[in-house]
Amino acid sequence: MTRGAYMVQWIETERGWGQRNDGVFYYLTEDQAEKDTEEIVKKMREYEAKIFGRVTPEEYSFPQPPVFVEVDENLYKEIKKSGRVSKDRHEKLKKSIA
């Protein structure tokens, strides 16, 4: 059975190197994805301000808007149990089940 979840992709920008994928998180609701992402960004920016002051860091990450995607039953159950799941965590879970 296929279910749905909200995926938030993170992008890393590094001076001189450009952009690259910096991870993916899955959530059950769009509201949960937005709230969690806002909190993560707030903490990251507070940390960066403390370390770098007003200078733009050499590298930083930012989220893309949540996108509704189909997920398999195992991923759906893991998201429901944990609240959010990173792509890497789900890949490790799949390998341990196989």
PDB file of N, CA and C in Angstrom:
ATOM      1  N   MET A   1       0.840  -1.188   0.000  1.00  0.00           N
ATOM      2  CA  MET A   1       0.000   0.000   0.000  1.00  0.00           C
ATOM      3  C   MET A   1       0.881   1.247   0.000  1.00  0.00           C
ATOM      4  N   THR A   2       0.525   2.200  -0.791  1.00  0.00           N
ATOM      5  CA  THR A   2       1.262   3.456  -0.874  1.00  0.00           C
ATOM      6  C   THR A   2       0.555   4.519  -0.038  1.00  0.00           C
ATOM      7  N   ARG A   3       1.340   5.293   0.678  1.00  0.00           N
ATOM      8  CA  ARG A   3       0.819   6.378   1.518  1.00  0.00           C
ATOM      9  C   ARG A   3       1.452   7.689   1.072  1.00  0.00           C
ATOM     10  N   GLY A   4       1.048   8.769   1.716  1.00  0.00           N
ATOM     11  CA  GLY A   4       1.611  10.072   1.394  1.00  0.00           C
ATOM     12  C   GLY A   4       2.302  10.701   2.594  1.00  0.00           C
ATOM     13  N   ALA A   5       3.278  11.543   2.319  1.00  0.00           N
ATOM     14  CA  ALA A   5       3.998  12.285   3.348  1.00  0.00           C
ATOM     15  C   ALA A   5       4.538  13.559   2.713  1.00  0.00           C
ATOM     16  N   TYR A   6       4.979  14.485   3.555  1.00  0.00           N
ATOM     17  CA  TYR A   6       5.572  15.732   3.072  1.00  0.00           C
ATOM     18  C   TYR A   6       7.089  15.641   3.171  1.00  0.00           C
ATOM     19  N   MET A   7       7.735  15.900   2.055  1.00  0.00           N
ATOM     20  CA  MET A   7       9.191  15.824   1.967  1.00  0.00           C
ATOM     21  C   MET A   7       9.766  17.241   1.949  1.00  0.00           C
ATOM     22  N   VAL A   8      10.791  17.455   2.767  1.00  0.00           N
ATOM     23  CA  VAL A   8      11.524  18.728   2.767  1.00  0.00           C
ATOM     24  C   VAL A   8      12.963  18.412   2.372  1.00  0.00           C
ATOM     25  N   GLN A   9      13.377  18.953   1.246  1.00  0.00           N
ATOM     26  CA  GLN A   9      14.743  18.772   0.780  1.00  0.00           C
ATOM     27  C   GLN A   9      15.582  19.958   1.226  1.00  0.00           C
ATOM     28  N   TRP A  10      16.789  19.681   1.723  1.00  0.00           N
ATOM     29  CA  TRP A  10      17.714  20.723   2.145  1.00  0.00           C
ATOM     30  C   TRP A  10      18.811  20.869   1.100  1.00  0.00           C
ATOM     31  N   ILE A  11      19.194  22.102   0.832  1.00  0.00           N
ATOM     32  CA  ILE A  11      20.241  22.423  -0.131  1.00  0.00           C
ATOM     33  C   ILE A  11      21.383  23.121   0.611  1.00  0.00           C
ATOM     34  N   GLU A  12      22.600  22.700   0.326  1.00  0.00           N
ATOM     35  CA  GLU A  12      23.776  23.363   0.889  1.00  0.00           C
ATOM     36  C   GLU A  12      24.395  24.246  -0.188  1.00  0.00           C
ATOM     37  N   THR A  13      24.749  25.448   0.188  1.00  0.00           N
ATOM     38  CA  THR A  13      25.459  26.361  -0.698  1.00  0.00           C
ATOM     39  C   THR A  13      26.837  26.607  -0.106  1.00  0.00           C
ATOM     40  N   GLU A  14      27.856  26.418  -0.921  1.00  0.00           N
ATOM     41  CA  GLU A  14      29.223  26.649  -0.451  1.00  0.00           C
ATOM     42  C   GLU A  14      29.944  27.537  -1.455  1.00  0.00           C
ATOM     43  N   ARG A  15      30.541  28.604  -0.926  1.00  0.00           N
ATOM     44  CA  ARG A  15      31.247  29.561  -1.781  1.00  0.00           C
ATOM     45  C   ARG A  15      32.314  28.833  -2.614  1.00  0.00           C
ATOM     46  N   GLY A  16      32.271  29.069  -3.917  1.00  0.00           N
ATOM     47  CA  GLY A  16      33.254  28.475  -4.810  1.00  0.00           C
ATOM     48  C   GLY A  16      32.883  27.083  -5.317  1.00  0.00           C
ATOM     49  N   TRP A  17      31.887  26.448  -4.697  1.00  0.00           N
ATOM     50  CA  TRP A  17      31.499  25.094  -5.085  1.00  0.00           C
ATOM     51  C   TRP A  17      30.079  25.020  -5.614  1.00  0.00           C
ATOM     52  N   GLY A  18      29.245  25.972  -5.260  1.00  0.00           N
ATOM     53  CA  GLY A  18      27.859  25.955  -5.728  1.00  0.00           C
ATOM     54  C   GLY A  18      26.932  25.276  -4.730  1.00  0.00           C
ATOM     55  N   GLN A  19      25.907  24.621  -5.258  1.00  0.00           N
ATOM     56  CA  GLN A  19      24.882  23.999  -4.417  1.00  0.00           C
ATOM     57  C   GLN A  19      24.885  22.485  -4.586  1.00  0.00           C
ATOM     58  N   ARG A  20      24.432  21.808  -3.511  1.00  0.00           N
ATOM     59  CA  ARG A  20      24.275  20.360  -3.575  1.00  0.00           C
ATOM     60  C   ARG A  20      23.192  19.932  -2.594  1.00  0.00           C
ATOM     61  N   ASN A  21      22.670  18.735  -2.777  1.00  0.00           N
ATOM     62  CA  ASN A  21      21.668  18.185  -1.880  1.00  0.00           C
ATOM     63  C   ASN A  21      22.294  17.992  -0.499  1.00  0.00           C
ATOM     64  N   ASP A  22      21.585  18.419   0.532  1.00  0.00           N
ATOM     65  CA  ASP A  22      22.106  18.318   1.894  1.00  0.00           C
ATOM     66  C   ASP A  22      21.187  17.475   2.784  1.00  0.00           C
ATOM     67  N   GLY A  23      20.330  16.683   2.173  1.00  0.00           N
ATOM     68  CA  GLY A  23      19.482  15.793   2.961  1.00  0.00           C
ATOM     69  C   GLY A  23      18.007  16.014   2.716  1.00  0.00           C
ATOM     70  N   VAL A  24      17.229  15.048   3.176  1.00  0.00           N
ATOM     71  CA  VAL A  24      15.782  15.059   2.995  1.00  0.00           C
ATOM     72  C   VAL A  24      15.136  14.596   4.296  1.00  0.00           C
ATOM     73  N   PHE A  25      14.066  15.282   4.697  1.00  0.00           N
ATOM     74  CA  PHE A  25      13.259  14.857   5.840  1.00  0.00           C
ATOM     75  C   PHE A  25      11.835  14.618   5.360  1.00  0.00           C
ATOM     76  N   TYR A  26      11.167  13.652   5.984  1.00  0.00           N
ATOM     77  CA  TYR A  26       9.768  13.335   5.687  1.00  0.00           C
ATOM     78  C   TYR A  26       8.918  13.581   6.926  1.00  0.00           C
ATOM     79  N   TYR A  27       7.700  14.104   6.715  1.00  0.00           N
ATOM     80  CA  TYR A  27       6.740  14.410   7.778  1.00  0.00           C
ATOM     81  C   TYR A  27       5.354  13.937   7.350  1.00  0.00           C
ATOM     82  N   LEU A  28       4.473  13.727   8.327  1.00  0.00           N
ATOM     83  CA  LEU A  28       3.104  13.321   7.997  1.00  0.00           C
ATOM     84  C   LEU A  28       2.246  14.484   7.535  1.00  0.00           C
ATOM     85  N   THR A  29       2.482  15.682   8.088  1.00  0.00           N
ATOM     86  CA  THR A  29       1.642  16.825   7.724  1.00  0.00           C
ATOM     87  C   THR A  29       2.495  17.993   7.238  1.00  0.00           C
ATOM     88  N   GLU A  30       1.898  18.808   6.407  1.00  0.00           N
ATOM     89  CA  GLU A  30       2.580  19.998   5.908  1.00  0.00           C
ATOM     90  C   GLU A  30       2.869  20.965   7.056  1.00  0.00           C
ATOM     91  N   ASP A  31       1.917  21.101   7.974  1.00  0.00           N
ATOM     92  CA  ASP A  31       2.092  21.986   9.127  1.00  0.00           C
ATOM     93  C   ASP A  31       3.291  21.547   9.965  1.00  0.00           C
ATOM     94  N   GLN A  32       3.403  20.255  10.219  1.00  0.00           N
ATOM     95  CA  GLN A  32       4.517  19.712  10.998  1.00  0.00           C
ATOM     96  C   GLN A  32       5.844  19.973  10.272  1.00  0.00           C
ATOM     97  N   ALA A  33       5.849  19.784   8.954  1.00  0.00           N
ATOM     98  CA  ALA A  33       7.062  20.022   8.165  1.00  0.00           C
ATOM     99  C   ALA A  33       7.481  21.483   8.255  1.00  0.00           C
ATOM    100  N   GLU A  34       6.525  22.389   8.107  1.00  0.00           N
ATOM    101  CA  GLU A  34       6.841  23.819   8.146  1.00  0.00           C
ATOM    102  C   GLU A  34       7.323  24.260   9.523  1.00  0.00           C
ATOM    103  N   LYS A  35       6.643  23.813  10.583  1.00  0.00           N
ATOM    104  CA  LYS A  35       7.045  24.204  11.943  1.00  0.00           C
ATOM    105  C   LYS A  35       8.432  23.682  12.290  1.00  0.00           C
ATOM    106  N   ASP A  36       8.690  22.406  11.990  1.00  0.00           N
ATOM    107  CA  ASP A  36       9.983  21.816  12.311  1.00  0.00           C
ATOM    108  C   ASP A  36      11.099  22.493  11.515  1.00  0.00           C
ATOM    109  N   THR A  37      10.838  22.738  10.243  1.00  0.00           N
ATOM    110  CA  THR A  37      11.824  23.384   9.382  1.00  0.00           C
ATOM    111  C   THR A  37      12.123  24.798   9.872  1.00  0.00           C
ATOM    112  N   GLU A  38      11.089  25.552  10.247  1.00  0.00           N
ATOM    113  CA  GLU A  38      11.303  26.901  10.785  1.00  0.00           C
ATOM    114  C   GLU A  38      12.172  26.865  12.032  1.00  0.00           C
ATOM    115  N   GLU A  39      11.930  25.908  12.903  1.00  0.00           N
ATOM    116  CA  GLU A  39      12.709  25.792  14.141  1.00  0.00           C
ATOM    117  C   GLU A  39      14.168  25.433  13.839  1.00  0.00           C
ATOM    118  N   ILE A  40      14.383  24.525  12.908  1.00  0.00           N
ATOM    119  CA  ILE A  40      15.750  24.153  12.527  1.00  0.00           C
ATOM    120  C   ILE A  40      16.478  25.354  11.939  1.00  0.00           C
ATOM    121  N   VAL A  41      15.831  26.070  11.031  1.00  0.00           N
ATOM    122  CA  VAL A  41      16.453  27.244  10.402  1.00  0.00           C
ATOM    123  C   VAL A  41      16.766  28.302  11.461  1.00  0.00           C
ATOM    124  N   LYS A  42      15.845  28.544  12.369  1.00  0.00           N
ATOM    125  CA  LYS A  42      16.063  29.537  13.432  1.00  0.00           C
ATOM    126  C   LYS A  42      17.304  29.183  14.249  1.00  0.00           C
ATOM    127  N   LYS A  43      17.420  27.921  14.655  1.00  0.00           N
ATOM    128  CA  LYS A  43      18.580  27.496  15.450  1.00  0.00           C
ATOM    129  C   LYS A  43      19.875  27.592  14.650  1.00  0.00           C
ATOM    130  N   MET A  44      19.815  27.224  13.369  1.00  0.00           N
ATOM    131  CA  MET A  44      21.007  27.313  12.524  1.00  0.00           C
ATOM    132  C   MET A  44      21.461  28.755  12.381  1.00  0.00           C
ATOM    133  N   ARG A  45      20.524  29.667  12.119  1.00  0.00           N
ATOM    134  CA  ARG A  45      20.882  31.072  11.923  1.00  0.00           C
ATOM    135  C   ARG A  45      21.387  31.704  13.215  1.00  0.00           C
ATOM    136  N   GLU A  46      20.825  31.315  14.362  1.00  0.00           N
ATOM    137  CA  GLU A  46      21.327  31.821  15.648  1.00  0.00           C
ATOM    138  C   GLU A  46      22.765  31.367  15.870  1.00  0.00           C
ATOM    139  N   TYR A  47      23.028  30.111  15.562  1.00  0.00           N
ATOM    140  CA  TYR A  47      24.386  29.576  15.705  1.00  0.00           C
ATOM    141  C   TYR A  47      25.348  30.303  14.765  1.00  0.00           C
ATOM    142  N   GLU A  48      24.935  30.461  13.501  1.00  0.00           N
ATOM    143  CA  GLU A  48      25.785  31.154  12.527  1.00  0.00           C
ATOM    144  C   GLU A  48      26.063  32.592  12.956  1.00  0.00           C
ATOM    145  N   ALA A  49      25.053  33.285  13.492  1.00  0.00           N
ATOM    146  CA  ALA A  49      25.235  34.664  13.940  1.00  0.00           C
ATOM    147  C   ALA A  49      26.249  34.725  15.084  1.00  0.00           C
ATOM    148  N   LYS A  50      26.183  33.747  15.966  1.00  0.00           N
ATOM    149  CA  LYS A  50      27.107  33.712  17.097  1.00  0.00           C
ATOM    150  C   LYS A  50      28.543  33.466  16.616  1.00  0.00           C
ATOM    151  N   ILE A  51      28.709  32.580  15.667  1.00  0.00           N
ATOM    152  CA  ILE A  51      30.040  32.208  15.172  1.00  0.00           C
ATOM    153  C   ILE A  51      30.591  33.233  14.167  1.00  0.00           C
ATOM    154  N   PHE A  52      29.758  33.665  13.212  1.00  0.00           N
ATOM    155  CA  PHE A  52      30.234  34.486  12.103  1.00  0.00           C
ATOM    156  C   PHE A  52      29.868  35.967  12.215  1.00  0.00           C
ATOM    157  N   GLY A  53      29.004  36.312  13.147  1.00  0.00           N
ATOM    158  CA  GLY A  53      28.572  37.700  13.244  1.00  0.00           C
ATOM    159  C   GLY A  53      27.758  38.088  12.025  1.00  0.00           C
ATOM    160  N   ARG A  54      28.091  39.212  11.420  1.00  0.00           N
ATOM    161  CA  ARG A  54      27.331  39.697  10.260  1.00  0.00           C
ATOM    162  C   ARG A  54      27.913  39.251   8.922  1.00  0.00           C
ATOM    163  N   VAL A  55      28.940  38.441   8.959  1.00  0.00           N
ATOM    164  CA  VAL A  55      29.580  37.960   7.734  1.00  0.00           C
ATOM    165  C   VAL A  55      28.828  36.724   7.242  1.00  0.00           C
ATOM    166  N   THR A  56      28.553  36.670   5.941  1.00  0.00           N
ATOM    167  CA  THR A  56      27.893  35.502   5.369  1.00  0.00           C
ATOM    168  C   THR A  56      28.837  34.302   5.483  1.00  0.00           C
ATOM    169  N   PRO A  57      28.366  33.178   6.035  1.00  0.00           N
ATOM    170  CA  PRO A  57      29.228  31.998   6.164  1.00  0.00           C
ATOM    171  C   PRO A  57      29.688  31.486   4.797  1.00  0.00           C
ATOM    172  N   GLU A  58      30.805  30.780   4.778  1.00  0.00           N
ATOM    173  CA  GLU A  58      31.306  30.172   3.552  1.00  0.00           C
ATOM    174  C   GLU A  58      30.321  29.126   3.033  1.00  0.00           C
ATOM    175  N   GLU A  59      29.626  28.464   3.944  1.00  0.00           N
ATOM    176  CA  GLU A  59      28.624  27.480   3.546  1.00  0.00           C
ATOM    177  C   GLU A  59      27.430  27.547   4.481  1.00  0.00           C
ATOM    178  N   TYR A  60      26.280  27.269   3.945  1.00  0.00           N
ATOM    179  CA  TYR A  60      25.063  27.239   4.750  1.00  0.00           C
ATOM    180  C   TYR A  60      24.017  26.402   4.032  1.00  0.00           C
ATOM    181  N   SER A  61      23.036  25.936   4.803  1.00  0.00           N
ATOM    182  CA  SER A  61      21.957  25.116   4.249  1.00  0.00           C
ATOM    183  C   SER A  61      20.633  25.846   4.366  1.00  0.00           C
ATOM    184  N   PHE A  62      19.731  25.528   3.440  1.00  0.00           N
ATOM    185  CA  PHE A  62      18.392  26.093   3.494  1.00  0.00           C
ATOM    186  C   PHE A  62      17.404  25.066   2.950  1.00  0.00           C
ATOM    187  N   PRO A  63      16.163  25.089   3.464  1.00  0.00           N
ATOM    188  CA  PRO A  63      15.160  24.114   3.038  1.00  0.00           C
ATOM    189  C   PRO A  63      14.368  24.575   1.821  1.00  0.00           C
ATOM    190  N   GLN A  64      13.894  23.612   1.071  1.00  0.00           N
ATOM    191  CA  GLN A  64      12.928  23.850   0.011  1.00  0.00           C
ATOM    192  C   GLN A  64      11.534  23.726   0.639  1.00  0.00           C
ATOM    193  N   PRO A  65      10.502  24.268   0.035  1.00  0.00           N
ATOM    194  CA  PRO A  65       9.144  24.113   0.584  1.00  0.00           C
ATOM    195  C   PRO A  65       8.735  22.638   0.625  1.00  0.00           C
ATOM    196  N   PRO A  66       7.889  22.259   1.587  1.00  0.00           N
ATOM    197  CA  PRO A  66       7.418  20.870   1.656  1.00  0.00           C
ATOM    198  C   PRO A  66       6.667  20.471   0.385  1.00  0.00           C
ATOM    199  N   VAL A  67       6.895  19.245  -0.051  1.00  0.00           N
ATOM    200  CA  VAL A  67       6.239  18.699  -1.241  1.00  0.00           C
ATOM    201  C   VAL A  67       5.575  17.379  -0.846  1.00  0.00           C
ATOM    202  N   PHE A  68       4.319  17.207  -1.232  1.00  0.00           N
ATOM    203  CA  PHE A  68       3.605  15.964  -0.936  1.00  0.00           C
ATOM    204  C   PHE A  68       4.086  14.882  -1.895  1.00  0.00           C
ATOM    205  N   VAL A  69       4.515  13.745  -1.341  1.00  0.00           N
ATOM    206  CA  VAL A  69       5.040  12.639  -2.147  1.00  0.00           C
ATOM    207  C   VAL A  69       4.447  11.313  -1.667  1.00  0.00           C
ATOM    208  N   GLU A  70       4.474  10.320  -2.530  1.00  0.00           N
ATOM    209  CA  GLU A  70       4.074   8.968  -2.136  1.00  0.00           C
ATOM    210  C   GLU A  70       5.246   8.299  -1.445  1.00  0.00           C
ATOM    211  N   VAL A  71       4.946   7.568  -0.366  1.00  0.00           N
ATOM    212  CA  VAL A  71       5.967   6.807   0.359  1.00  0.00           C
ATOM    213  C   VAL A  71       5.450   5.388   0.579  1.00  0.00           C
ATOM    214  N   ASP A  72       6.370   4.452   0.775  1.00  0.00           N
ATOM    215  CA  ASP A  72       5.934   3.082   1.021  1.00  0.00           C
ATOM    216  C   ASP A  72       5.451   2.931   2.464  1.00  0.00           C
ATOM    217  N   GLU A  73       4.829   1.827   2.741  1.00  0.00           N
ATOM    218  CA  GLU A  73       4.220   1.579   4.056  1.00  0.00           C
ATOM    219  C   GLU A  73       5.246   1.620   5.190  1.00  0.00           C
ATOM    220  N   ASN A  74       6.441   1.067   4.959  1.00  0.00           N
ATOM    221  CA  ASN A  74       7.471   1.061   6.005  1.00  0.00           C
ATOM    222  C   ASN A  74       7.916   2.471   6.374  1.00  0.00           C
ATOM    223  N   LEU A  75       8.125   3.306   5.367  1.00  0.00           N
ATOM    224  CA  LEU A  75       8.520   4.690   5.648  1.00  0.00           C
ATOM    225  C   LEU A  75       7.391   5.427   6.357  1.00  0.00           C
ATOM    226  N   TYR A  76       6.167   5.226   5.920  1.00  0.00           N
ATOM    227  CA  TYR A  76       5.018   5.876   6.551  1.00  0.00           C
ATOM    228  C   TYR A  76       4.948   5.514   8.041  1.00  0.00           C
ATOM    229  N   LYS A  77       5.116   4.233   8.360  1.00  0.00           N
ATOM    230  CA  LYS A  77       5.075   3.793   9.763  1.00  0.00           C
ATOM    231  C   LYS A  77       6.201   4.424  10.580  1.00  0.00           C
ATOM    232  N   GLU A  78       7.379   4.521   9.980  1.00  0.00           N
ATOM    233  CA  GLU A  78       8.516   5.114  10.682  1.00  0.00           C
ATOM    234  C   GLU A  78       8.283   6.605  10.940  1.00  0.00           C
ATOM    235  N   ILE A  79       7.718   7.305   9.973  1.00  0.00           N
ATOM    236  CA  ILE A  79       7.411   8.735  10.167  1.00  0.00           C
ATOM    237  C   ILE A  79       6.372   8.885  11.272  1.00  0.00           C
ATOM    238  N   LYS A  80       5.355   8.050  11.236  1.00  0.00           N
ATOM    239  CA  LYS A  80       4.287   8.116  12.241  1.00  0.00           C
ATOM    240  C   LYS A  80       4.842   7.864  13.645  1.00  0.00           C
ATOM    241  N   LYS A  81       5.777   6.937  13.749  1.00  0.00           N
ATOM    242  CA  LYS A  81       6.382   6.580  15.039  1.00  0.00           C
ATOM    243  C   LYS A  81       7.316   7.681  15.551  1.00  0.00           C
ATOM    244  N   SER A  82       8.108   8.273  14.654  1.00  0.00           N
ATOM    245  CA  SER A  82       9.173   9.187  15.062  1.00  0.00           C
ATOM    246  C   SER A  82       8.842  10.671  14.915  1.00  0.00           C
ATOM    247  N   GLY A  83       7.826  11.004  14.118  1.00  0.00           N
ATOM    248  CA  GLY A  83       7.511  12.410  13.886  1.00  0.00           C
ATOM    249  C   GLY A  83       8.167  12.959  12.640  1.00  0.00           C
ATOM    250  N   ARG A  84       9.415  12.570  12.400  1.00  0.00           N
ATOM    251  CA  ARG A  84      10.107  12.918  11.154  1.00  0.00           C
ATOM    252  C   ARG A  84      11.171  11.864  10.914  1.00  0.00           C
ATOM    253  N   VAL A  85      11.503  11.660   9.666  1.00  0.00           N
ATOM    254  CA  VAL A  85      12.516  10.679   9.297  1.00  0.00           C
ATOM    255  C   VAL A  85      13.401  11.296   8.226  1.00  0.00           C
ATOM    256  N   SER A  86      14.716  11.140   8.391  1.00  0.00           N
ATOM    257  CA  SER A  86      15.628  11.593   7.342  1.00  0.00           C
ATOM    258  C   SER A  86      15.778  10.480   6.317  1.00  0.00           C
ATOM    259  N   LYS A  87      16.102  10.845   5.102  1.00  0.00           N
ATOM    260  CA  LYS A  87      16.264   9.857   4.047  1.00  0.00           C
ATOM    261  C   LYS A  87      17.329   8.840   4.439  1.00  0.00           C
ATOM    262  N   ASP A  88      18.444   9.295   4.986  1.00  0.00           N
ATOM    263  CA  ASP A  88      19.511   8.380   5.383  1.00  0.00           C
ATOM    264  C   ASP A  88      19.036   7.373   6.418  1.00  0.00           C
ATOM    265  N   ARG A  89      18.243   7.836   7.383  1.00  0.00           N
ATOM    266  CA  ARG A  89      17.739   6.943   8.426  1.00  0.00           C
ATOM    267  C   ARG A  89      16.841   5.868   7.826  1.00  0.00           C
ATOM    268  N   HIS A  90      15.999   6.257   6.870  1.00  0.00           N
ATOM    269  CA  HIS A  90      15.112   5.292   6.242  1.00  0.00           C
ATOM    270  C   HIS A  90      15.902   4.285   5.415  1.00  0.00           C
ATOM    271  N   GLU A  91      16.932   4.727   4.740  1.00  0.00           N
ATOM    272  CA  GLU A  91      17.748   3.806   3.944  1.00  0.00           C
ATOM    273  C   GLU A  91      18.400   2.770   4.850  1.00  0.00           C
ATOM    274  N   LYS A  92      18.894   3.176   6.026  1.00  0.00           N
ATOM    275  CA  LYS A  92      19.479   2.225   6.972  1.00  0.00           C
ATOM    276  C   LYS A  92      18.426   1.262   7.480  1.00  0.00           C
ATOM    277  N   LEU A  93      17.205   1.756   7.733  1.00  0.00           N
ATOM    278  CA  LEU A  93      16.112   0.908   8.196  1.00  0.00           C
ATOM    279  C   LEU A  93      15.795  -0.144   7.135  1.00  0.00           C
ATOM    280  N   LYS A  94      15.700   0.260   5.871  1.00  0.00           N
ATOM    281  CA  LYS A  94      15.403  -0.670   4.791  1.00  0.00           C
ATOM    282  C   LYS A  94      16.467  -1.764   4.693  1.00  0.00           C
ATOM    283  N   LYS A  95      17.727  -1.404   4.855  1.00  0.00           N
ATOM    284  CA  LYS A  95      18.819  -2.384   4.777  1.00  0.00           C
ATOM    285  C   LYS A  95      18.745  -3.368   5.937  1.00  0.00           C
ATOM    286  N   SER A  96      18.356  -2.892   7.121  1.00  0.00           N
ATOM    287  CA  SER A  96      18.294  -3.783   8.281  1.00  0.00           C
ATOM    288  C   SER A  96      17.117  -4.752   8.178  1.00  0.00           C
ATOM    289  N   ILE A  97      16.067  -4.378   7.439  1.00  0.00           N
ATOM    290  CA  ILE A  97      14.900  -5.246   7.267  1.00  0.00           C
ATOM    291  C   ILE A  97      15.170  -6.312   6.200  1.00  0.00           C
ATOM    292  N   ALA A  98      15.953  -5.926   5.178  1.00  0.00           N
ATOM    293  CA  ALA A  98      16.198  -6.820   4.030  1.00  0.00           C
ATOM    294  C   ALA A  98      16.961  -8.070   4.392  1.00  0.00           C
TER     295      ALA A  98
END
